[in-house]
């Protein structure tokens, strides 16, 4: 990992705290799974010294193209200091099935990002990236089975944090307080329904 970047993350954690650090891989191509697992374990163990868990997120356009690939890497890393980041849009459009959460590696689920949107499979990497950046909607307003995935996550014993990650141009155009109000209302409605 980029040592300067890790040191900046550590400095922020020292200054303001936190519970996890998100990580992933945007590049496409082949993955040296053994080397990647070792780097993931080393970084997770380093951040664990600050009581931070590493949250590994898969992106459909990347070398970690879905939750199956992320879970495989987490199993190889074999550390409870790293867990899965469940982003609803990335999980569903990356070929995830809620049943795969029944057998998690040691770190379990590190965090959840609630959102919704259209299914975009099959699609090119460029289409995935476009939808991820411009078409993710508030939970409960798209085609994805957000409630079903939330139920599967809850069945693992996960208790939080639940966050909202939606970056549509429409939501970004709202005043921050109104965007936060809408995001909180949609998240609470989804969690209540689940």
Protein backbone atom coordinates (compact mmCIF):
# COMPACT_ATOMS: atom_id res chain seq x y z
CA UNK A 1 0.00 0.00 0.00
CA UNK A 2 0.91 3.63 -0.48
CA UNK A 3 2.74 4.41 2.80
CA UNK A 4 2.06 8.16 2.63
CA UNK A 5 -1.67 7.53 2.13
CA UNK A 6 -1.80 5.07 5.03
CA UNK A 7 0.00 7.58 7.25
CA UNK A 8 -2.60 10.25 6.31
CA UNK A 9 -5.42 7.83 7.17
CA UNK A 10 -3.74 7.10 10.51
CA UNK A 11 -3.36 10.83 11.21
CA UNK A 12 -7.06 11.42 10.55
CA UNK A 13 -7.98 8.47 12.77
CA UNK A 14 -5.74 9.81 15.54
CA UNK A 15 -7.35 13.24 15.25
CA UNK A 16 -11.03 12.36 14.92
CA UNK A 17 -11.43 8.63 15.60
CA UNK A 18 -13.52 6.23 13.58
CA UNK A 19 -14.35 2.54 13.42
CA UNK A 20 -13.43 1.45 9.90
CA UNK A 21 -11.54 2.47 6.77
CA UNK A 22 -12.98 1.59 3.37
CA UNK A 23 -10.74 0.05 0.75
CA UNK A 24 -11.12 -1.55 -2.65
CA UNK A 25 -9.48 -1.85 -6.03
CA UNK A 26 -10.58 0.23 -9.01
CA UNK A 27 -8.22 -1.25 -11.58
CA UNK A 28 -9.25 -4.09 -13.86
CA UNK A 29 -7.11 -7.04 -14.91
CA UNK A 30 -5.68 -9.99 -13.06
CA UNK A 31 -5.19 -10.26 -9.33
CA UNK A 32 -2.32 -11.94 -7.54
CA UNK A 33 -4.65 -13.28 -4.85
CA UNK A 34 -1.89 -14.48 -2.54
CA UNK A 35 -0.03 -11.18 -2.67
CA UNK A 36 -3.25 -9.17 -2.38
CA UNK A 37 -4.35 -11.20 0.66
CA UNK A 38 -0.99 -10.63 2.33
CA UNK A 39 -1.13 -6.86 1.67
CA UNK A 40 -4.73 -6.73 2.91
CA UNK A 41 -3.82 -8.59 6.11
CA UNK A 42 -0.78 -6.36 6.75
CA UNK A 43 -2.78 -3.17 6.24
CA UNK A 44 -5.70 -4.43 8.34
CA UNK A 45 -3.39 -5.46 11.17
CA UNK A 46 -1.62 -2.09 11.03
CA UNK A 47 -4.93 -0.20 11.27
CA UNK A 48 -6.18 -2.52 14.03
CA UNK A 49 -3.57 -0.93 16.28
CA UNK A 50 -5.82 2.17 16.09
CA UNK A 51 -9.01 0.12 16.65
CA UNK A 52 -9.93 0.47 12.96
CA UNK A 53 -11.33 -2.35 10.87
CA UNK A 54 -10.60 -2.44 7.14
CA UNK A 55 -13.83 -2.60 5.09
CA UNK A 56 -13.20 -4.25 1.70
CA UNK A 57 -15.58 -3.20 -1.08
CA UNK A 58 -15.96 -4.84 -4.48
CA UNK A 59 -16.71 -2.85 -7.64
CA UNK A 60 -18.25 -4.56 -10.73
CA UNK A 61 -15.78 -2.86 -13.10
CA UNK A 62 -12.66 -3.87 -11.15
CA UNK A 63 -10.43 -6.84 -10.46
CA UNK A 64 -12.59 -7.37 -7.33
CA UNK A 65 -15.73 -7.47 -9.45
CA UNK A 66 -18.23 -8.67 -6.90
CA UNK A 67 -18.82 -9.79 -3.35
CA UNK A 68 -17.68 -13.35 -4.14
CA UNK A 69 -14.22 -12.06 -5.12
CA UNK A 70 -14.06 -9.81 -2.04
CA UNK A 71 -15.12 -12.63 0.29
CA UNK A 72 -12.55 -14.94 -1.29
CA UNK A 73 -9.80 -12.39 -0.67
CA UNK A 74 -10.96 -11.84 2.91
CA UNK A 75 -10.89 -15.60 3.53
CA UNK A 76 -7.34 -15.77 2.17
CA UNK A 77 -6.29 -12.83 4.34
CA UNK A 78 -7.72 -14.62 7.38
CA UNK A 79 -7.85 -11.67 9.74
CA UNK A 80 -10.74 -10.36 11.82
CA UNK A 81 -9.27 -6.87 11.28
CA UNK A 82 -10.75 -6.84 7.75
CA UNK A 83 -14.39 -7.36 6.82
CA UNK A 84 -16.77 -6.91 3.93
CA UNK A 85 -18.26 -3.54 2.98
CA UNK A 86 -21.78 -4.28 1.76
CA UNK A 87 -22.82 -1.49 -0.61
CA UNK A 88 -26.28 -2.48 -1.84
CA UNK A 89 -25.77 -1.25 -5.42
CA UNK A 90 -22.28 -2.74 -5.76
CA UNK A 91 -23.38 -6.01 -4.11
CA UNK A 92 -26.45 -6.54 -6.32
CA UNK A 93 -24.85 -5.38 -9.56
CA UNK A 94 -21.69 -7.35 -8.76
CA UNK A 95 -23.59 -10.63 -8.85
CA UNK A 96 -24.10 -10.92 -5.10
CA UNK A 97 -26.63 -13.23 -3.56
CA UNK A 98 -27.77 -12.56 0.01
CA UNK A 99 -27.22 -16.25 0.81
CA UNK A 100 -23.46 -15.82 0.44
CA UNK A 101 -23.48 -13.79 3.67
CA UNK A 102 -24.34 -16.89 5.70
CA UNK A 103 -20.68 -17.99 5.74
CA UNK A 104 -18.53 -14.94 6.36
CA UNK A 105 -14.76 -14.89 6.94
CA UNK A 106 -13.42 -13.89 10.39
CA UNK A 107 -13.95 -10.12 9.96
CA UNK A 108 -17.61 -10.51 9.02
CA UNK A 109 -19.34 -7.43 7.69
CA UNK A 110 -17.46 -4.24 8.51
CA UNK A 111 -20.07 -1.72 7.32
CA UNK A 112 -23.13 -1.28 5.10
CA UNK A 113 -23.91 1.43 2.56
CA UNK A 114 -27.61 1.66 1.80
CA UNK A 115 -28.73 2.77 -1.64
CA UNK A 116 -30.77 1.50 -4.58
CA UNK A 117 -30.97 1.85 -8.31
CA UNK A 118 -31.36 -0.14 -11.48
CA UNK A 119 -29.88 -3.53 -12.25
CA UNK A 120 -27.23 -2.93 -14.92
CA UNK A 121 -26.11 -6.51 -15.64
CA UNK A 122 -24.74 -7.28 -18.11
CA UNK A 123 -22.97 -4.05 -18.82
CA UNK A 124 -19.58 -2.74 -19.80
CA UNK A 125 -17.17 -1.42 -17.16
CA UNK A 126 -17.96 2.11 -18.35
CA UNK A 127 -21.70 1.55 -17.87
CA UNK A 128 -21.14 0.18 -14.37
CA UNK A 129 -19.03 3.17 -13.44
CA UNK A 130 -21.57 5.64 -14.89
CA UNK A 131 -24.46 4.04 -13.00
CA UNK A 132 -22.46 3.81 -9.78
CA UNK A 133 -21.60 7.50 -9.93
CA UNK A 134 -24.82 8.97 -11.29
CA UNK A 135 -27.73 6.55 -10.89
CA UNK A 136 -27.58 5.21 -7.34
CA UNK A 137 -30.81 6.18 -5.65
CA UNK A 138 -32.04 6.42 -2.11
CA UNK A 139 -32.93 3.03 -0.62
CA UNK A 140 -36.42 1.88 -1.52
CA UNK A 141 -36.68 3.91 -4.74
CA UNK A 142 -35.10 1.56 -7.30
CA UNK A 143 -35.21 -2.01 -8.59
CA UNK A 144 -32.84 -3.67 -6.11
CA UNK A 145 -34.01 -5.89 -3.25
CA UNK A 146 -32.65 -3.61 -0.54
CA UNK A 147 -34.95 -4.99 2.17
CA UNK A 148 -33.97 -8.59 1.38
CA UNK A 149 -30.28 -7.74 1.54
CA UNK A 150 -30.73 -5.81 4.80
CA UNK A 151 -32.48 -8.86 6.27
CA UNK A 152 -29.58 -11.11 5.19
CA UNK A 153 -27.06 -8.69 6.69
CA UNK A 154 -29.02 -8.51 9.95
CA UNK A 155 -29.19 -12.33 10.08
CA UNK A 156 -25.38 -12.39 10.34
CA UNK A 157 -25.60 -10.53 13.65
CA UNK A 158 -24.41 -7.23 12.15
CA UNK A 159 -25.64 -4.25 14.15
CA UNK A 160 -24.07 -1.30 12.37
CA UNK A 161 -23.04 1.10 11.11
CA UNK A 162 -25.66 1.54 8.42
CA UNK A 163 -24.90 4.51 6.19
CA UNK A 164 -26.35 5.94 3.00
CA UNK A 165 -24.20 6.35 -0.10
CA UNK A 166 -26.10 8.04 -2.90
CA UNK A 167 -24.42 10.41 -5.27
CA UNK A 168 -26.97 11.37 -7.89
CA UNK A 169 -26.71 14.88 -9.32
CA UNK A 170 -30.22 15.59 -7.99
CA UNK A 171 -29.29 14.75 -4.39
CA UNK A 172 -26.00 16.64 -4.63
CA UNK A 173 -27.92 19.73 -5.81
CA UNK A 174 -30.01 19.86 -2.61
CA UNK A 175 -28.97 21.86 0.44
CA UNK A 176 -26.99 19.56 2.74
CA UNK A 177 -29.65 19.53 5.46
CA UNK A 178 -32.39 18.51 3.00
CA UNK A 179 -30.23 15.81 1.39
CA UNK A 180 -29.44 14.43 4.86
CA UNK A 181 -33.13 14.51 5.83
CA UNK A 182 -34.16 12.60 2.71
CA UNK A 183 -31.33 10.07 3.13
CA UNK A 184 -32.16 9.47 6.79
CA UNK A 185 -35.88 9.07 6.08
CA UNK A 186 -35.24 6.55 3.29
CA UNK A 187 -32.74 4.58 5.39
CA UNK A 188 -35.03 4.45 8.42
CA UNK A 189 -38.00 3.34 6.28
CA UNK A 190 -35.89 0.57 4.75
CA UNK A 191 -34.54 -0.61 8.11
CA UNK A 192 -38.06 -0.52 9.61
CA UNK A 193 -39.45 -2.59 6.73
CA UNK A 194 -36.63 -5.14 7.06
